[in-house]
Amino acid sequence: MTDAISKVIGVLLAFVLLILAPMTISRMKDDMAARRLVLNEVTAFIDKVTDKASVTGADVDDLMIGINAHGGAFDVQVVRYVRVAVKDNTRGGEVRSIYYATDDVFTASDGVVYLNVSDAIRVRVEGITKTKGQNLIQGLMRVSERPFEFTLAGTVR
């Protein structure tokens, strides 16, 4: 009887080690590569915007297409922060720099948002759906992973 039980356990372990583990590793590797590519798209967008000190509708459209081309559905927010000098009377007239968030960058009348030196641009990317790797992990191990999200920002030079 114990010989039959050990054979069943051996077959189950072989199935897990030869089929499920490589499949899970492959899916997670694909997810990590897609995340890295999305991060590279956002970094390239921020570098381009901070170098030329303007954002066009075509730039934002290219960002959206580039991010969503890597196999996921993402919500992307691009926000401009304007640097303002404020005199603080409670601290003896000290002048401080404060960043105010402006409206969305899509509201420009001529389709171009011009940025001043020391303005900041922030891009927030949040995954809407789960990836194949997350679904597989949740189905096999009942582990729920948080959706992919990150925020990057850059200051205009």
N, C-alpha and C. Protein backbone atom coordinates (compact mmCIF):
# COMPACT_ATOMS: atom_id res chain seq x y z
N MET A 1 0.82 -1.20 0.00
CA MET A 1 0.00 0.00 0.00
C MET A 1 0.87 1.26 0.00
N THR A 2 1.92 1.27 0.80
CA THR A 2 2.78 2.46 0.86
C THR A 2 3.54 2.65 -0.45
N ASP A 3 3.80 1.54 -1.16
CA ASP A 3 4.47 1.64 -2.44
C ASP A 3 3.57 2.37 -3.46
N ALA A 4 2.30 2.14 -3.46
CA ALA A 4 1.36 2.80 -4.38
C ALA A 4 1.22 4.29 -4.04
N ILE A 5 1.18 4.59 -2.76
CA ILE A 5 1.07 5.99 -2.33
C ILE A 5 2.31 6.77 -2.73
N SER A 6 3.48 6.19 -2.55
CA SER A 6 4.71 6.88 -2.92
C SER A 6 4.81 7.07 -4.44
N LYS A 7 4.28 6.12 -5.21
CA LYS A 7 4.28 6.28 -6.67
C LYS A 7 3.36 7.44 -7.09
N VAL A 8 2.21 7.56 -6.45
CA VAL A 8 1.27 8.65 -6.76
C VAL A 8 1.90 9.99 -6.40
N ILE A 9 2.52 10.05 -5.24
CA ILE A 9 3.19 11.28 -4.81
C ILE A 9 4.33 11.62 -5.77
N GLY A 10 5.07 10.62 -6.21
CA GLY A 10 6.15 10.84 -7.15
C GLY A 10 5.65 11.37 -8.49
N VAL A 11 4.53 10.83 -8.97
CA VAL A 11 3.96 11.31 -10.23
C VAL A 11 3.49 12.74 -10.08
N LEU A 12 2.86 13.07 -8.96
CA LEU A 12 2.39 14.44 -8.73
C LEU A 12 3.56 15.42 -8.65
N LEU A 13 4.62 15.03 -7.95
CA LEU A 13 5.80 15.89 -7.86
C LEU A 13 6.45 16.08 -9.23
N ALA A 14 6.52 15.01 -10.02
CA ALA A 14 7.09 15.11 -11.36
C ALA A 14 6.26 16.06 -12.22
N PHE A 15 4.94 16.00 -12.11
CA PHE A 15 4.06 16.89 -12.88
C PHE A 15 4.31 18.35 -12.48
N VAL A 16 4.40 18.57 -11.18
CA VAL A 16 4.62 19.94 -10.70
C VAL A 16 5.97 20.46 -11.16
N LEU A 17 7.01 19.64 -11.02
CA LEU A 17 8.36 20.09 -11.34
C LEU A 17 8.62 20.19 -12.84
N LEU A 18 7.99 19.33 -13.63
CA LEU A 18 8.27 19.32 -15.06
C LEU A 18 7.30 20.17 -15.88
N ILE A 19 6.11 20.43 -15.38
CA ILE A 19 5.11 21.16 -16.16
C ILE A 19 4.77 22.51 -15.53
N LEU A 20 4.28 22.51 -14.30
CA LEU A 20 3.78 23.73 -13.69
C LEU A 20 4.89 24.74 -13.37
N ALA A 21 5.99 24.30 -12.83
CA ALA A 21 7.06 25.22 -12.46
C ALA A 21 7.64 25.95 -13.67
N PRO A 22 8.01 25.25 -14.76
CA PRO A 22 8.53 25.98 -15.93
C PRO A 22 7.49 26.90 -16.56
N MET A 23 6.23 26.48 -16.57
CA MET A 23 5.18 27.33 -17.13
C MET A 23 5.02 28.60 -16.30
N THR A 24 5.05 28.48 -15.00
CA THR A 24 4.93 29.64 -14.12
C THR A 24 6.13 30.57 -14.28
N ILE A 25 7.31 30.01 -14.33
CA ILE A 25 8.52 30.82 -14.48
C ILE A 25 8.50 31.55 -15.82
N SER A 26 8.06 30.88 -16.87
CA SER A 26 7.99 31.50 -18.19
C SER A 26 7.01 32.67 -18.21
N ARG A 27 5.85 32.49 -17.62
CA ARG A 27 4.85 33.57 -17.58
C ARG A 27 5.35 34.76 -16.76
N MET A 28 5.97 34.50 -15.63
CA MET A 28 6.47 35.59 -14.80
C MET A 28 7.63 36.31 -15.49
N LYS A 29 8.45 35.58 -16.23
CA LYS A 29 9.54 36.22 -16.97
C LYS A 29 8.98 37.15 -18.04
N ASP A 30 7.91 36.72 -18.72
CA ASP A 30 7.27 37.58 -19.73
C ASP A 30 6.68 38.83 -19.07
N ASP A 31 6.07 38.68 -17.91
CA ASP A 31 5.50 39.83 -17.19
C ASP A 31 6.59 40.83 -16.80
N MET A 32 7.71 40.32 -16.30
CA MET A 32 8.81 41.20 -15.90
C MET A 32 9.40 41.93 -17.10
N ALA A 33 9.50 41.25 -18.24
CA ALA A 33 10.02 41.91 -19.45
C ALA A 33 9.07 43.01 -19.92
N ALA A 34 7.76 42.74 -19.87
CA ALA A 34 6.78 43.75 -20.27
C ALA A 34 6.84 44.96 -19.33
N ARG A 35 7.00 44.72 -18.06
CA ARG A 35 7.10 45.83 -17.09
C ARG A 35 8.34 46.68 -17.36
N ARG A 36 9.43 46.02 -17.68
CA ARG A 36 10.66 46.75 -17.97
C ARG A 36 10.50 47.59 -19.24
N LEU A 37 9.82 47.06 -20.25
CA LEU A 37 9.59 47.81 -21.49
C LEU A 37 8.69 49.01 -21.26
N VAL A 38 7.67 48.85 -20.40
CA VAL A 38 6.79 49.98 -20.06
C VAL A 38 7.59 51.05 -19.32
N LEU A 39 8.43 50.64 -18.40
CA LEU A 39 9.29 51.58 -17.68
C LEU A 39 10.22 52.33 -18.64
N ASN A 40 10.75 51.63 -19.63
CA ASN A 40 11.62 52.27 -20.62
C ASN A 40 10.85 53.28 -21.46
N GLU A 41 9.61 52.97 -21.82
CA GLU A 41 8.78 53.92 -22.60
C GLU A 41 8.56 55.21 -21.82
N VAL A 42 8.22 55.08 -20.54
CA VAL A 42 7.95 56.25 -19.71
C VAL A 42 9.23 57.06 -19.50
N THR A 43 10.34 56.39 -19.29
CA THR A 43 11.61 57.09 -19.11
C THR A 43 11.99 57.86 -20.38
N ALA A 44 11.79 57.25 -21.54
CA ALA A 44 12.09 57.94 -22.80
C ALA A 44 11.19 59.15 -22.99
N PHE A 45 9.91 59.03 -22.62
CA PHE A 45 8.98 60.17 -22.74
C PHE A 45 9.41 61.32 -21.83
N ILE A 46 9.74 61.01 -20.58
CA ILE A 46 10.15 62.06 -19.64
C ILE A 46 11.44 62.72 -20.10
N ASP A 47 12.39 61.95 -20.59
CA ASP A 47 13.63 62.53 -21.10
C ASP A 47 13.35 63.45 -22.28
N LYS A 48 12.48 63.04 -23.18
CA LYS A 48 12.16 63.86 -24.35
C LYS A 48 11.48 65.16 -23.94
N VAL A 49 10.54 65.08 -23.02
CA VAL A 49 9.81 66.27 -22.58
C VAL A 49 10.71 67.23 -21.83
N THR A 50 11.54 66.71 -20.94
CA THR A 50 12.41 67.60 -20.16
C THR A 50 13.49 68.23 -21.01
N ASP A 51 13.90 67.57 -22.09
CA ASP A 51 14.91 68.15 -22.97
C ASP A 51 14.35 69.25 -23.86
N LYS A 52 13.15 69.03 -24.42
CA LYS A 52 12.62 70.03 -25.36
C LYS A 52 11.66 71.02 -24.71
N ALA A 53 11.31 70.84 -23.44
CA ALA A 53 10.50 71.76 -22.65
C ALA A 53 9.11 72.02 -23.24
N SER A 54 8.53 71.00 -23.87
CA SER A 54 7.16 71.11 -24.36
C SER A 54 6.58 69.72 -24.52
N VAL A 55 5.26 69.65 -24.46
CA VAL A 55 4.55 68.39 -24.64
C VAL A 55 3.49 68.62 -25.71
N THR A 56 3.47 67.78 -26.71
CA THR A 56 2.44 67.85 -27.74
C THR A 56 1.48 66.69 -27.59
N GLY A 57 0.34 66.81 -28.23
CA GLY A 57 -0.62 65.72 -28.21
C GLY A 57 -0.04 64.46 -28.85
N ALA A 58 0.79 64.64 -29.87
CA ALA A 58 1.43 63.50 -30.52
C ALA A 58 2.39 62.79 -29.58
N ASP A 59 3.09 63.56 -28.73
CA ASP A 59 4.00 62.94 -27.75
C ASP A 59 3.22 62.05 -26.79
N VAL A 60 2.11 62.57 -26.30
CA VAL A 60 1.31 61.80 -25.34
C VAL A 60 0.68 60.60 -26.02
N ASP A 61 0.22 60.77 -27.26
CA ASP A 61 -0.35 59.63 -27.99
C ASP A 61 0.70 58.54 -28.21
N ASP A 62 1.93 58.94 -28.56
CA ASP A 62 3.01 57.97 -28.72
C ASP A 62 3.30 57.24 -27.41
N LEU A 63 3.24 57.97 -26.30
CA LEU A 63 3.45 57.34 -25.00
C LEU A 63 2.36 56.30 -24.72
N MET A 64 1.11 56.67 -24.95
CA MET A 64 0.00 55.75 -24.70
C MET A 64 0.10 54.49 -25.58
N ILE A 65 0.40 54.69 -26.85
CA ILE A 65 0.51 53.55 -27.76
C ILE A 65 1.70 52.68 -27.37
N GLY A 66 2.82 53.31 -27.04
CA GLY A 66 4.00 52.55 -26.66
C GLY A 66 3.80 51.73 -25.40
N ILE A 67 3.10 52.30 -24.42
CA ILE A 67 2.87 51.59 -23.16
C ILE A 67 1.90 50.42 -23.37
N ASN A 68 0.82 50.66 -24.07
CA ASN A 68 -0.18 49.62 -24.24
C ASN A 68 0.20 48.59 -25.30
N ALA A 69 1.31 48.78 -25.99
CA ALA A 69 1.76 47.82 -26.99
C ALA A 69 2.47 46.62 -26.39
N HIS A 70 2.67 46.61 -25.10
CA HIS A 70 3.45 45.54 -24.47
C HIS A 70 2.59 44.49 -23.80
N GLY A 71 1.35 44.35 -24.21
CA GLY A 71 0.53 43.24 -23.76
C GLY A 71 -0.34 43.48 -22.56
N GLY A 72 -0.42 44.68 -22.05
CA GLY A 72 -1.27 44.95 -20.90
C GLY A 72 -2.18 46.13 -21.17
N ALA A 73 -3.12 46.33 -20.28
CA ALA A 73 -3.98 47.51 -20.36
C ALA A 73 -3.60 48.40 -19.18
N PHE A 74 -3.22 49.64 -19.48
CA PHE A 74 -2.71 50.53 -18.46
C PHE A 74 -3.46 51.85 -18.49
N ASP A 75 -3.64 52.43 -17.31
CA ASP A 75 -4.17 53.78 -17.17
C ASP A 75 -2.98 54.70 -16.97
N VAL A 76 -2.86 55.72 -17.82
CA VAL A 76 -1.70 56.60 -17.78
C VAL A 76 -2.17 58.02 -17.51
N GLN A 77 -1.55 58.68 -16.54
CA GLN A 77 -1.84 60.07 -16.22
C GLN A 77 -0.56 60.88 -16.36
N VAL A 78 -0.65 61.97 -17.12
CA VAL A 78 0.48 62.88 -17.29
C VAL A 78 0.08 64.22 -16.69
N VAL A 79 0.82 64.66 -15.68
CA VAL A 79 0.48 65.89 -14.96
C VAL A 79 1.68 66.82 -14.98
N ARG A 80 1.40 68.12 -15.16
CA ARG A 80 2.44 69.15 -15.13
C ARG A 80 2.41 69.84 -13.78
N TYR A 81 3.57 70.03 -13.20
CA TYR A 81 3.71 70.79 -11.96
C TYR A 81 4.49 72.07 -12.25
N VAL A 82 3.91 73.20 -11.88
CA VAL A 82 4.52 74.50 -12.11
C VAL A 82 5.21 74.95 -10.83
N ARG A 83 6.45 75.37 -10.94
CA ARG A 83 7.21 75.85 -9.79
C ARG A 83 6.87 77.32 -9.56
N VAL A 84 6.49 77.64 -8.33
CA VAL A 84 6.09 79.00 -7.97
C VAL A 84 6.86 79.40 -6.72
N ALA A 85 7.35 80.65 -6.70
CA ALA A 85 8.02 81.19 -5.51
C ALA A 85 6.98 81.88 -4.64
N VAL A 86 6.95 81.50 -3.36
CA VAL A 86 5.96 82.03 -2.43
C VAL A 86 6.69 82.63 -1.24
N LYS A 87 6.27 83.83 -0.85
CA LYS A 87 6.85 84.48 0.32
C LYS A 87 6.08 84.00 1.54
N ASP A 88 6.81 83.44 2.48
CA ASP A 88 6.21 82.89 3.70
C ASP A 88 6.38 83.91 4.82
N ASN A 89 5.30 84.64 5.15
CA ASN A 89 5.36 85.67 6.19
C ASN A 89 5.45 85.08 7.59
N THR A 90 5.06 83.84 7.75
CA THR A 90 5.15 83.23 9.07
C THR A 90 6.59 82.87 9.43
N ARG A 91 7.48 82.86 8.47
CA ARG A 91 8.89 82.53 8.71
C ARG A 91 9.79 83.74 8.45
N GLY A 92 9.29 84.90 8.67
CA GLY A 92 10.11 86.10 8.53
C GLY A 92 10.35 86.52 7.10
N GLY A 93 9.42 86.22 6.22
CA GLY A 93 9.54 86.65 4.83
C GLY A 93 10.40 85.75 3.97
N GLU A 94 10.63 84.55 4.42
CA GLU A 94 11.44 83.60 3.66
C GLU A 94 10.71 83.22 2.36
N VAL A 95 11.45 83.13 1.28
CA VAL A 95 10.87 82.75 -0.02
C VAL A 95 11.12 81.26 -0.23
N ARG A 96 10.03 80.54 -0.52
CA ARG A 96 10.10 79.09 -0.74
C ARG A 96 9.58 78.76 -2.13
N SER A 97 10.05 77.67 -2.68
CA SER A 97 9.54 77.18 -3.96
C SER A 97 8.51 76.10 -3.71
N ILE A 98 7.37 76.23 -4.37
CA ILE A 98 6.28 75.27 -4.23
C ILE A 98 5.87 74.82 -5.62
N TYR A 99 5.54 73.55 -5.76
CA TYR A 99 5.05 73.02 -7.03
C TYR A 99 3.54 72.86 -6.96
N TYR A 100 2.84 73.47 -7.92
CA TYR A 100 1.40 73.34 -8.02
C TYR A 100 1.06 72.46 -9.22
N ALA A 101 0.16 71.52 -9.00
CA ALA A 101 -0.30 70.69 -10.11
C ALA A 101 -1.28 71.49 -10.96
N THR A 102 -1.05 71.49 -12.26
CA THR A 102 -1.95 72.18 -13.17
C THR A 102 -2.93 71.17 -13.76
N ASP A 103 -3.77 71.66 -14.65
CA ASP A 103 -4.71 70.76 -15.31
C ASP A 103 -3.95 69.76 -16.16
N ASP A 104 -4.70 68.84 -16.71
CA ASP A 104 -4.12 67.82 -17.56
C ASP A 104 -3.40 68.47 -18.74
N VAL A 105 -2.36 67.83 -19.24
CA VAL A 105 -1.57 68.42 -20.33
C VAL A 105 -2.33 68.41 -21.65
N PHE A 106 -3.50 67.80 -21.72
CA PHE A 106 -4.24 67.73 -22.98
C PHE A 106 -5.10 68.96 -23.22
N THR A 107 -5.13 69.92 -22.31
CA THR A 107 -6.07 71.04 -22.43
C THR A 107 -5.49 72.26 -23.14
N ALA A 108 -4.36 72.12 -23.80
CA ALA A 108 -3.76 73.27 -24.50
C ALA A 108 -4.58 73.59 -25.75
N SER A 109 -4.73 74.89 -26.04
CA SER A 109 -5.55 75.30 -27.18
C SER A 109 -4.87 74.99 -28.51
N ASP A 110 -3.56 75.13 -28.59
CA ASP A 110 -2.87 74.87 -29.85
C ASP A 110 -2.27 73.47 -29.92
N GLY A 111 -2.56 72.63 -28.94
CA GLY A 111 -2.06 71.27 -28.94
C GLY A 111 -0.67 71.11 -28.38
N VAL A 112 -0.06 72.20 -27.92
CA VAL A 112 1.28 72.15 -27.36
C VAL A 112 1.26 72.80 -25.98
N VAL A 113 1.84 72.12 -25.01
CA VAL A 113 2.00 72.69 -23.67
C VAL A 113 3.47 73.02 -23.51
N TYR A 114 3.78 74.28 -23.34
CA TYR A 114 5.16 74.72 -23.15
C TYR A 114 5.48 74.73 -21.67
N LEU A 115 6.64 74.21 -21.33
CA LEU A 115 7.06 74.12 -19.94
C LEU A 115 8.17 75.12 -19.66
N ASN A 116 8.17 75.66 -18.46
CA ASN A 116 9.22 76.57 -18.03
C ASN A 116 10.36 75.78 -17.40
N VAL A 117 11.51 76.41 -17.32
CA VAL A 117 12.63 75.77 -16.62
C VAL A 117 12.23 75.57 -15.17
N SER A 118 12.53 74.42 -14.61
CA SER A 118 12.22 73.99 -13.24
C SER A 118 10.79 73.51 -13.07
N ASP A 119 9.97 73.51 -14.13
CA ASP A 119 8.68 72.84 -14.05
C ASP A 119 8.92 71.34 -14.03
N ALA A 120 7.97 70.61 -13.51
CA ALA A 120 8.10 69.16 -13.43
C ALA A 120 6.97 68.50 -14.20
N ILE A 121 7.24 67.33 -14.72
CA ILE A 121 6.23 66.52 -15.40
C ILE A 121 6.22 65.17 -14.70
N ARG A 122 5.02 64.69 -14.39
CA ARG A 122 4.88 63.42 -13.67
C ARG A 122 4.01 62.48 -14.49
N VAL A 123 4.45 61.24 -14.62
CA VAL A 123 3.70 60.22 -15.34
C VAL A 123 3.41 59.09 -14.36
N ARG A 124 2.14 58.78 -14.22
CA ARG A 124 1.70 57.68 -13.34
C ARG A 124 1.08 56.61 -14.21
N VAL A 125 1.57 55.39 -14.08
CA VAL A 125 1.09 54.25 -14.86
C VAL A 125 0.52 53.23 -13.88
N GLU A 126 -0.69 52.79 -14.17
CA GLU A 126 -1.36 51.81 -13.30
C GLU A 126 -1.98 50.74 -14.17
N GLY A 127 -1.70 49.49 -13.84
CA GLY A 127 -2.27 48.38 -14.59
C GLY A 127 -3.76 48.23 -14.30
N ILE A 128 -4.54 48.03 -15.36
CA ILE A 128 -5.99 47.89 -15.20
C ILE A 128 -6.36 46.42 -15.06
N THR A 129 -5.75 45.57 -15.87
CA THR A 129 -6.08 44.14 -15.87
C THR A 129 -4.92 43.35 -15.28
N LYS A 130 -5.21 42.11 -14.97
CA LYS A 130 -4.16 41.21 -14.51
C LYS A 130 -3.50 40.56 -15.72
N THR A 131 -2.22 40.27 -15.57
CA THR A 131 -1.48 39.63 -16.64
C THR A 131 -1.67 38.11 -16.57
N LYS A 132 -1.19 37.41 -17.59
CA LYS A 132 -1.31 35.95 -17.61
C LYS A 132 -0.55 35.32 -16.45
N GLY A 133 0.61 35.87 -16.15
CA GLY A 133 1.39 35.35 -15.03
C GLY A 133 0.68 35.52 -13.70
N GLN A 134 0.07 36.70 -13.49
CA GLN A 134 -0.67 36.93 -12.24
C GLN A 134 -1.88 35.99 -12.14
N ASN A 135 -2.58 35.77 -13.25
CA ASN A 135 -3.71 34.85 -13.23
C ASN A 135 -3.27 33.42 -12.93
N LEU A 136 -2.14 33.00 -13.49
CA LEU A 136 -1.63 31.65 -13.24
C LEU A 136 -1.23 31.49 -11.78
N ILE A 137 -0.52 32.46 -11.24
CA ILE A 137 -0.11 32.37 -9.83
C ILE A 137 -1.32 32.35 -8.91
N GLN A 138 -2.31 33.19 -9.22
CA GLN A 138 -3.50 33.22 -8.38
C GLN A 138 -4.28 31.92 -8.50
N GLY A 139 -4.34 31.33 -9.69
CA GLY A 139 -5.06 30.08 -9.86
C GLY A 139 -4.37 28.90 -9.19
N LEU A 140 -3.05 28.86 -9.24
CA LEU A 140 -2.32 27.72 -8.68
C LEU A 140 -2.10 27.85 -7.18
N MET A 141 -1.68 29.02 -6.73
CA MET A 141 -1.27 29.17 -5.34
C MET A 141 -2.19 30.03 -4.51
N ARG A 142 -3.20 30.60 -5.13
CA ARG A 142 -4.15 31.49 -4.43
C ARG A 142 -3.43 32.70 -3.82
N VAL A 143 -2.40 33.19 -4.51
CA VAL A 143 -1.67 34.37 -4.08
C VAL A 143 -2.09 35.51 -5.01
N SER A 144 -2.61 36.57 -4.43
CA SER A 144 -3.05 37.70 -5.23
C SER A 144 -1.98 38.78 -5.21
N GLU A 145 -1.47 39.10 -6.38
CA GLU A 145 -0.43 40.11 -6.51
C GLU A 145 -1.07 41.46 -6.81
N ARG A 146 -0.50 42.53 -6.27
CA ARG A 146 -1.02 43.87 -6.54
C ARG A 146 -0.85 44.20 -8.01
N PRO A 147 -1.74 45.04 -8.55
CA PRO A 147 -1.55 45.46 -9.94
C PRO A 147 -0.27 46.26 -10.10
N PHE A 148 0.26 46.23 -11.29
CA PHE A 148 1.50 46.93 -11.63
C PHE A 148 1.22 48.43 -11.64
N GLU A 149 1.99 49.20 -10.87
CA GLU A 149 1.86 50.64 -10.87
C GLU A 149 3.17 51.29 -10.46
N PHE A 150 3.43 52.44 -11.06
CA PHE A 150 4.60 53.22 -10.68
C PHE A 150 4.41 54.66 -11.14
N THR A 151 5.22 55.54 -10.59
CA THR A 151 5.20 56.96 -10.92
C THR A 151 6.63 57.42 -11.16
N LEU A 152 6.83 58.11 -12.28
CA LEU A 152 8.12 58.71 -12.58
C LEU A 152 7.92 60.20 -12.85
N ALA A 153 8.90 60.99 -12.50
CA ALA A 153 8.81 62.43 -12.73
C ALA A 153 10.17 62.96 -13.18
N GLY A 154 10.11 64.11 -13.84
CA GLY A 154 11.33 64.75 -14.29
C GLY A 154 11.17 66.26 -14.25
N THR A 155 12.28 66.97 -14.10
CA THR A 155 12.26 68.42 -14.05
C THR A 155 12.86 68.96 -15.34
N VAL A 156 12.23 69.98 -15.89
CA VAL A 156 12.69 70.59 -17.14
C VAL A 156 14.02 71.28 -16.88
N ARG A 157 14.97 71.03 -17.78
CA ARG A 157 16.31 71.61 -17.64
C ARG A 157 16.42 72.88 -18.45
